[in-house]
Amino acid sequence: MIDSFLAIIDRILKLLTIREKRFDRLFSELWEPTFADLLIVHRNYVEIFEKARAMLGSLQAGHAGKEGSETYIDKLAEISQYLSQQRIEFEPVRRKLIALIDAVEVTDLDNMSKTFVEALVAYFPTGTPRRVSTEAAEVLSVIEAYRKSILDASTQNGPDHMSVNELVFYVHDVIRRHRQAWSVVCEAYAPLRIAHAKRTIL
């Protein structure tokens, strides 16, 4: 999955250096294969958060015992470890995305292509590329805060204590936002596809 992300960014960086930026060439060599790759990546990326939500759901259903039990705490640690690994794996994507944005900023693209690139940038798991934290890191921090709050009995009923139900909803909202971002990518890609089809027919 990480390799697919990096391949997408590498392709964009490579082709943006080509001086001849004819629309048909950009579409055939860049936008079309990028969209196809991102479709696969999107499915895999949503699976990461679906898995985290399912793991939290097992806590919600009481399968790991009572909140605060050793089994419960171990399960939370397992979820944190899983997301932490995903965050580390996506770090190269964040760094390459910064290079991509710098390249796009100085490249003369048509408006439809610019809109598509902006949608791609907004979709990537790092969100705005110069953000210090990723979305996976933010979910991880929320889960870790929850785990620490139940380890400290004195804060269990404090204002910072989030319930497991709220955690499940939080991750659900992350998934919703990514699906919405994918819809924006599709909406930006459609005009490119239609324009290319018209030029091919004509």
Protein backbone atom coordinates (compact mmCIF):
# COMPACT_ATOMS: atom_id res chain seq x y z
CA MET A 1 0.00 0.00 0.00
CA ILE A 2 2.79 2.45 0.94
CA ASP A 3 4.57 1.55 -2.29
CA SER A 4 1.43 2.46 -4.21
CA PHE A 5 1.28 5.90 -2.56
CA LEU A 6 4.93 6.56 -3.32
CA ALA A 7 4.52 5.34 -6.91
CA ILE A 8 1.66 7.81 -7.42
CA ILE A 9 3.70 10.73 -6.13
CA ASP A 10 6.82 9.67 -8.06
CA ARG A 11 4.81 9.51 -11.28
CA ILE A 12 3.38 12.98 -10.73
CA LEU A 13 6.78 14.47 -9.91
CA LYS A 14 8.36 12.84 -12.95
CA LEU A 15 5.74 13.91 -15.45
CA LEU A 16 5.42 17.43 -14.09
CA THR A 17 9.03 17.98 -15.17
CA ILE A 18 8.11 17.39 -18.81
CA ARG A 19 7.98 20.71 -20.60
CA GLU A 20 5.41 19.56 -23.11
CA LYS A 21 2.23 19.56 -21.06
CA ARG A 22 -0.35 18.71 -23.67
CA PHE A 23 -3.67 17.80 -22.08
CA ASP A 24 -3.97 14.37 -23.73
CA ARG A 25 -0.49 13.37 -22.66
CA LEU A 26 -1.04 14.49 -19.09
CA PHE A 27 -4.31 12.58 -18.95
CA SER A 28 -3.01 9.34 -20.46
CA GLU A 29 0.34 9.26 -18.68
CA LEU A 30 -0.55 10.90 -15.39
CA TRP A 31 -4.15 11.55 -14.39
CA GLU A 32 -5.75 8.31 -15.59
CA PRO A 33 -3.20 5.90 -14.04
CA THR A 34 -3.03 8.02 -10.88
CA PHE A 35 -6.79 7.81 -10.45
CA ALA A 36 -6.69 4.03 -10.96
CA ASP A 37 -3.90 3.64 -8.39
CA LEU A 38 -5.60 5.90 -5.89
CA LEU A 39 -8.79 3.87 -6.14
CA ILE A 40 -6.86 0.84 -4.87
CA VAL A 41 -5.08 2.90 -2.22
CA HIS A 42 -8.37 4.41 -1.05
CA ARG A 43 -9.80 0.97 -0.37
CA ASN A 44 -6.72 -0.04 1.60
CA TYR A 45 -6.56 3.20 3.56
CA VAL A 46 -10.19 3.00 4.65
CA GLU A 47 -9.51 -0.58 5.75
CA ILE A 48 -6.94 0.73 8.26
CA PHE A 49 -9.55 2.79 10.06
CA GLU A 50 -12.26 0.17 9.60
CA LYS A 51 -9.98 -2.27 11.41
CA ALA A 52 -9.32 0.23 14.21
CA ARG A 53 -13.06 0.85 14.52
CA ALA A 54 -13.74 -2.90 14.67
CA MET A 55 -11.12 -3.32 17.38
CA LEU A 56 -12.70 -0.52 19.38
CA GLY A 57 -16.08 -2.10 18.72
CA SER A 58 -14.93 -5.23 20.52
CA LEU A 59 -14.31 -3.07 23.59
CA GLN A 60 -17.69 -1.42 23.13
CA ALA A 61 -19.34 -4.85 23.05
CA GLY A 62 -17.59 -5.91 26.25
CA HIS A 63 -15.50 -8.66 24.63
CA ALA A 64 -12.36 -7.45 26.44
CA GLY A 65 -13.97 -7.27 29.87
CA LYS A 66 -14.83 -4.30 32.02
CA GLU A 67 -13.30 -0.90 31.34
CA GLY A 68 -10.10 -0.64 33.32
CA SER A 69 -9.43 -4.37 33.42
CA GLU A 70 -6.01 -5.68 32.37
CA THR A 71 -7.48 -7.30 29.25
CA TYR A 72 -9.22 -4.05 28.34
CA ILE A 73 -6.01 -2.02 28.74
CA ASP A 74 -4.06 -4.58 26.70
CA LYS A 75 -6.59 -4.33 23.88
CA LEU A 76 -6.26 -0.55 23.82
CA ALA A 77 -2.48 -0.92 23.69
CA GLU A 78 -2.85 -3.29 20.74
CA ILE A 79 -4.97 -0.72 18.86
CA SER A 80 -2.43 2.01 19.63
CA GLN A 81 0.44 -0.16 18.40
CA TYR A 82 -1.39 -0.90 15.15
CA LEU A 83 -2.05 2.78 14.41
CA SER A 84 1.45 3.77 15.48
CA GLN A 85 2.90 1.38 12.91
CA GLN A 86 0.65 2.81 10.20
CA ARG A 87 1.80 6.34 11.09
CA ILE A 88 5.46 5.34 10.71
CA GLU A 89 4.82 3.65 7.38
CA PHE A 90 3.11 6.75 5.95
CA GLU A 91 5.93 9.16 6.90
CA PRO A 92 7.69 8.75 3.50
CA VAL A 93 4.39 9.62 1.80
CA ARG A 94 4.14 12.87 3.78
CA ARG A 95 7.70 13.89 2.84
CA LYS A 96 7.21 13.13 -0.84
CA LEU A 97 3.90 14.94 -0.86
CA ILE A 98 5.65 18.12 0.24
CA ALA A 99 7.93 17.79 -2.81
CA LEU A 100 4.88 17.22 -5.00
CA ILE A 101 3.14 20.36 -3.77
CA ASP A 102 6.27 22.42 -4.36
CA ALA A 103 6.45 21.07 -7.92
CA VAL A 104 2.79 21.74 -8.67
CA GLU A 105 3.01 25.31 -7.38
CA VAL A 106 5.52 26.23 -10.07
CA THR A 107 3.93 24.20 -12.86
CA ASP A 108 1.59 25.67 -15.45
CA LEU A 109 -1.40 23.34 -15.45
CA ASP A 110 -4.83 23.86 -16.93
CA ASN A 111 -7.63 24.60 -14.46
CA MET A 112 -9.14 21.10 -14.56
CA SER A 113 -5.76 19.53 -13.85
CA LYS A 114 -5.10 21.96 -11.00
CA THR A 115 -8.45 21.10 -9.45
CA PHE A 116 -7.65 17.40 -9.71
CA VAL A 117 -4.21 17.84 -8.11
CA GLU A 118 -5.76 19.87 -5.29
CA ALA A 119 -8.26 17.06 -4.70
CA LEU A 120 -5.42 14.52 -4.63
CA VAL A 121 -3.50 16.58 -2.09
CA ALA A 122 -6.58 16.96 0.12
CA TYR A 123 -7.23 13.22 -0.05
CA PHE A 124 -3.82 11.95 1.03
CA PRO A 125 -3.68 10.56 4.59
CA THR A 126 -1.41 13.39 5.65
CA GLY A 127 -4.01 15.94 4.69
CA THR A 128 -2.30 19.31 4.32
CA PRO A 129 1.24 18.09 3.67
CA ARG A 130 3.04 20.44 6.03
CA ARG A 131 1.00 19.45 9.05
CA VAL A 132 3.14 17.94 11.80
CA SER A 133 0.66 15.18 12.58
CA THR A 134 -1.26 12.82 10.34
CA GLU A 135 -4.85 11.73 10.75
CA ALA A 136 -3.67 8.31 11.96
CA ALA A 137 -1.50 10.08 14.54
CA GLU A 138 -4.46 12.14 15.72
CA VAL A 139 -6.65 9.05 16.14
CA LEU A 140 -3.76 7.42 17.99
CA SER A 141 -3.43 10.38 20.35
CA VAL A 142 -7.15 10.27 21.16
CA ILE A 143 -6.99 6.53 21.90
CA GLU A 144 -3.86 7.01 24.02
CA ALA A 145 -5.53 9.81 25.98
CA TYR A 146 -8.47 7.49 26.64
CA ARG A 147 -6.17 4.67 27.75
CA LYS A 148 -4.29 6.96 30.14
CA SER A 149 -7.50 8.36 31.56
CA ILE A 150 -8.81 4.94 32.56
CA LEU A 151 -5.42 3.98 34.00
CA ASP A 152 -5.76 6.90 36.39
CA ALA A 153 -8.88 6.26 38.44
CA SER A 154 -8.91 9.86 39.64
CA THR A 155 -9.68 11.14 36.14
CA GLN A 156 -12.22 8.52 35.08
CA ASN A 157 -15.08 10.93 35.53
CA GLY A 158 -13.13 14.02 34.53
CA PRO A 159 -13.94 16.26 31.58
CA ASP A 160 -11.14 14.75 29.47
CA HIS A 161 -12.45 11.21 29.76
CA MET A 162 -13.88 10.04 26.43
CA SER A 163 -16.12 6.97 26.40
CA VAL A 164 -15.43 4.03 24.09
CA ASN A 165 -18.69 4.86 22.32
CA GLU A 166 -17.33 8.32 21.54
CA LEU A 167 -14.08 6.76 20.32
CA VAL A 168 -15.94 4.49 17.92
CA PHE A 169 -17.89 7.49 16.62
CA TYR A 170 -14.67 9.51 16.28
CA VAL A 171 -13.06 6.84 14.07
CA HIS A 172 -16.31 6.48 12.14
CA ASP A 173 -16.13 10.21 11.41
CA VAL A 174 -12.55 9.84 10.14
CA ILE A 175 -13.75 7.15 7.71
CA ARG A 176 -16.63 9.39 6.63
CA ARG A 177 -14.26 12.27 5.92
CA HIS A 178 -12.00 10.08 3.79
CA ARG A 179 -14.91 8.79 1.78
CA GLN A 180 -16.02 12.37 1.28
CA ALA A 181 -12.48 13.31 0.16
CA TRP A 182 -12.56 10.42 -2.31
CA SER A 183 -15.84 11.75 -3.69
CA VAL A 184 -14.14 15.10 -4.29
CA VAL A 185 -11.35 13.31 -6.17
CA CYS A 186 -13.95 11.56 -8.34
CA GLU A 187 -15.74 14.85 -9.02
CA ALA A 188 -12.46 16.49 -10.04
CA TYR A 189 -11.47 13.55 -12.23
CA ALA A 190 -14.78 13.34 -14.12
CA PRO A 191 -14.30 16.58 -16.16
CA LEU A 192 -10.80 15.44 -17.15
CA ARG A 193 -12.16 12.09 -18.30
CA ILE A 194 -14.99 13.70 -20.26
CA ALA A 195 -12.68 16.27 -21.88
CA HIS A 196 -10.26 13.53 -22.91
CA ALA A 197 -13.08 11.43 -24.36
CA LYS A 198 -14.38 14.37 -26.39
CA ARG A 199 -10.92 15.13 -27.78
CA THR A 200 -10.43 11.47 -28.65
CA ILE A 201 -13.77 11.25 -30.45
CA LEU A 202 -13.17 14.49 -32.31
